[in-house]
Amino acid sequence: LLERIAETQNKWPAAIEYLDAILDIDSDNVMVLCKKRDIYERNREWEDLLDIQQKILKGKLTPGKEKEESRKLLGFKYELGRYYIESGSTDKAVKILKSVIKSDTNFIAAYIALADAYLKDGDSKEAQDVLMEGYEETSSLVLLVRLEDHFIDEVEPVTIIDIYQKAIHKDQKDLRL
């Protein structure tokens, strides 16, 4: 009850304290861990949120709930990676975004964020490689457009034309290409 009151008043540290008091008694209480995670998510405290999410995954969950919470973990890792890029910690961003892509090779936004991290570091070649790898893995037109933008910025239109020709040859029925 005290936690809910603190939460409705946007007194997040107090709400966390009340939840921690419950967790001191029952450290595996998934419902309380989820409430704590939700507060961290609302306040974009990604590092703390990841710790809580991993504790949630160690709890007793149904197979369906475990799969859902694992997907959330990937999303939270992605958000932490974006946060690291914005705060200038690109080395941390690269590490975490690579782990996201390793876990889910179809996570298109992670490829884009990883390329952004490399670009922020001035590593255009590595950004290009990430976008290319992502496109080859997913056939995502979003990644193809990002590649197009990249090669136009690099004044290499021949390269993107070649990539488009290969893509069209690979899938001649895809009218979007």
Protein backbone atom coordinates (compact mmCIF):
# COMPACT_ATOMS: atom_id res chain seq x y z
CA LEU A 1 0.00 0.00 0.00
CA LEU A 2 2.76 2.47 0.89
CA GLU A 3 4.54 1.65 -2.36
CA ARG A 4 1.39 2.42 -4.39
CA ILE A 5 0.91 5.73 -2.59
CA ALA A 6 4.54 6.72 -3.23
CA GLU A 7 4.18 5.68 -6.85
CA THR A 8 1.01 7.71 -7.43
CA GLN A 9 2.82 10.73 -5.98
CA ASN A 10 5.80 10.08 -8.30
CA LYS A 11 8.04 9.56 -5.27
CA TRP A 12 10.12 6.90 -7.00
CA PRO A 13 12.93 6.52 -4.44
CA ALA A 14 10.37 5.95 -1.68
CA ALA A 15 8.49 3.41 -3.82
CA ILE A 16 11.76 1.56 -4.49
CA GLU A 17 12.53 1.55 -0.74
CA TYR A 18 9.16 -0.03 0.06
CA LEU A 19 9.65 -2.65 -2.64
CA ASP A 20 13.17 -3.36 -1.38
CA ALA A 21 11.77 -3.89 2.12
CA ILE A 22 9.47 -6.58 0.71
CA LEU A 23 12.34 -8.11 -1.27
CA ASP A 24 14.42 -8.28 1.93
CA ILE A 25 11.78 -10.68 3.22
CA ASP A 26 11.00 -12.47 -0.07
CA SER A 27 13.82 -11.91 -2.56
CA ASP A 28 12.20 -14.12 -5.22
CA ASN A 29 8.85 -12.31 -5.32
CA VAL A 30 8.40 -11.90 -9.08
CA MET A 31 5.44 -9.55 -8.71
CA VAL A 32 7.47 -7.13 -6.57
CA LEU A 33 10.47 -7.44 -8.89
CA CYS A 34 8.20 -6.57 -11.82
CA LYS A 35 6.89 -3.48 -10.00
CA LYS A 36 10.45 -2.38 -9.31
CA ARG A 37 11.39 -3.01 -12.95
CA ASP A 38 8.44 -0.93 -14.12
CA ILE A 39 9.57 2.00 -11.99
CA TYR A 40 13.08 1.77 -13.41
CA GLU A 41 11.68 1.59 -16.92
CA ARG A 42 9.46 4.62 -16.37
CA ASN A 43 12.53 6.55 -15.18
CA ARG A 44 14.81 5.15 -17.92
CA GLU A 45 17.26 3.68 -15.39
CA TRP A 46 18.40 0.97 -17.78
CA GLU A 47 21.37 -0.44 -15.83
CA ASP A 48 19.31 -1.00 -12.66
CA LEU A 49 16.46 -2.32 -14.75
CA LEU A 50 18.69 -4.99 -16.36
CA ASP A 51 19.72 -6.30 -12.95
CA ILE A 52 16.09 -6.61 -11.90
CA GLN A 53 15.07 -8.20 -15.20
CA GLN A 54 17.71 -10.89 -14.77
CA LYS A 55 16.40 -11.61 -11.27
CA ILE A 56 12.89 -11.90 -12.70
CA LEU A 57 14.14 -14.46 -15.21
CA LYS A 58 15.66 -16.51 -12.39
CA GLY A 59 12.26 -16.68 -10.69
CA LYS A 60 9.60 -19.31 -11.13
CA LEU A 61 7.93 -18.47 -14.44
CA THR A 62 5.73 -20.41 -16.80
CA PRO A 63 7.42 -21.21 -20.13
CA GLY A 64 5.30 -18.58 -21.89
CA LYS A 65 6.07 -15.93 -19.27
CA GLU A 66 9.78 -16.83 -19.38
CA LYS A 67 9.82 -16.33 -23.15
CA GLU A 68 8.04 -12.97 -22.78
CA GLU A 69 10.46 -11.81 -20.07
CA SER A 70 13.45 -12.91 -22.18
CA ARG A 71 12.16 -10.78 -25.07
CA LYS A 72 11.79 -7.86 -22.68
CA LEU A 73 15.39 -8.37 -21.55
CA LEU A 74 16.57 -7.97 -25.15
CA GLY A 75 14.52 -4.79 -25.51
CA PHE A 76 15.95 -3.39 -22.29
CA LYS A 77 19.49 -4.24 -23.42
CA TYR A 78 18.77 -2.40 -26.66
CA GLU A 79 17.56 0.64 -24.70
CA LEU A 80 20.69 0.52 -22.55
CA GLY A 81 22.78 0.42 -25.73
CA ARG A 82 20.95 3.49 -27.08
CA TYR A 83 21.50 5.22 -23.73
CA TYR A 84 25.23 4.48 -23.92
CA ILE A 85 25.39 5.92 -27.45
CA GLU A 86 23.63 9.10 -26.33
CA SER A 87 25.91 9.46 -23.31
CA GLY A 88 29.07 8.91 -25.36
CA SER A 89 29.98 5.47 -23.99
CA THR A 90 30.14 3.91 -27.43
CA ASP A 91 32.42 1.07 -26.35
CA LYS A 92 29.78 -0.07 -23.85
CA ALA A 93 27.08 0.41 -26.49
CA VAL A 94 28.95 -1.74 -29.01
CA LYS A 95 29.39 -4.53 -26.48
CA ILE A 96 25.77 -4.66 -25.40
CA LEU A 97 24.30 -4.22 -28.89
CA LYS A 98 26.48 -7.04 -30.22
CA SER A 99 25.06 -9.27 -27.48
CA VAL A 100 21.52 -8.29 -28.49
CA ILE A 101 22.19 -9.18 -32.13
CA LYS A 102 23.83 -12.45 -31.09
CA SER A 103 20.69 -13.34 -29.13
CA ASP A 104 18.30 -12.25 -31.89
CA THR A 105 19.71 -11.92 -35.39
CA ASN A 106 16.42 -10.40 -36.57
CA PHE A 107 16.53 -7.40 -34.20
CA ILE A 108 16.77 -4.76 -36.94
CA ALA A 109 16.88 -1.77 -34.59
CA ALA A 110 19.93 -3.26 -32.85
CA TYR A 111 21.84 -3.37 -36.15
CA ILE A 112 20.99 0.29 -36.76
CA ALA A 113 21.98 1.30 -33.23
CA LEU A 114 25.25 -0.63 -33.50
CA ALA A 115 26.02 1.09 -36.80
CA ASP A 116 25.21 4.43 -35.14
CA ALA A 117 27.67 3.62 -32.34
CA TYR A 118 30.43 2.91 -34.86
CA LEU A 119 29.61 6.07 -36.80
CA LYS A 120 29.73 8.12 -33.62
CA ASP A 121 33.23 6.69 -33.07
CA GLY A 122 34.14 7.63 -36.65
CA ASP A 123 34.38 4.01 -37.80
CA SER A 124 32.45 4.22 -41.06
CA LYS A 125 33.74 0.87 -42.37
CA GLU A 126 32.55 -1.05 -39.30
CA ALA A 127 29.15 0.69 -39.48
CA GLN A 128 28.87 -0.32 -43.12
CA ASP A 129 29.79 -3.93 -42.26
CA VAL A 130 27.15 -4.08 -39.53
CA LEU A 131 24.43 -2.73 -41.83
CA MET A 132 25.49 -5.14 -44.57
CA GLU A 133 25.53 -8.10 -42.17
CA GLY A 134 22.10 -7.10 -40.89
CA TYR A 135 20.70 -6.79 -44.38
CA GLU A 136 22.11 -10.16 -45.42
CA GLU A 137 20.67 -11.76 -42.28
CA THR A 138 17.22 -10.15 -42.37
CA SER A 139 16.63 -8.83 -45.92
CA SER A 140 15.18 -5.78 -44.18
CA LEU A 141 14.47 -2.87 -46.50
CA VAL A 142 15.06 -0.52 -43.57
CA LEU A 143 18.67 -1.69 -43.42
CA LEU A 144 18.96 -1.44 -47.20
CA VAL A 145 17.82 2.19 -47.06
CA ARG A 146 20.34 2.88 -44.28
CA LEU A 147 23.03 1.33 -46.47
CA GLU A 148 21.88 3.52 -49.33
CA ASP A 149 22.16 6.63 -47.16
CA HIS A 150 25.57 5.51 -45.97
CA PHE A 151 26.99 4.95 -49.45
CA ILE A 152 25.53 8.21 -50.74
CA ASP A 153 27.15 10.03 -47.79
CA GLU A 154 30.42 8.26 -48.61
CA VAL A 155 30.01 9.25 -52.30
CA GLU A 156 29.96 5.60 -53.36
CA PRO A 157 26.70 5.28 -55.34
CA VAL A 158 28.15 2.44 -57.44
CA THR A 159 28.36 0.24 -54.34
CA ILE A 160 24.70 0.70 -53.41
CA ILE A 161 23.63 0.15 -57.01
CA ASP A 162 25.58 -3.12 -56.96
CA ILE A 163 23.87 -4.14 -53.70
CA TYR A 164 20.45 -3.36 -55.17
CA GLN A 165 21.23 -5.34 -58.33
CA LYS A 166 22.28 -8.36 -56.26
CA ALA A 167 19.15 -8.06 -54.13
CA ILE A 168 16.93 -7.85 -57.22
CA HIS A 169 18.67 -10.84 -58.76
CA LYS A 170 18.25 -12.80 -55.51
CA ASP A 171 14.53 -12.04 -55.22
CA GLN A 172 13.16 -11.02 -58.60
CA LYS A 173 9.54 -11.09 -57.41
CA ASP A 174 10.06 -8.47 -54.70
CA LEU A 175 8.60 -5.38 -56.37
CA ARG A 176 9.71 -3.16 -53.48
CA LEU A 177 13.32 -3.51 -54.66
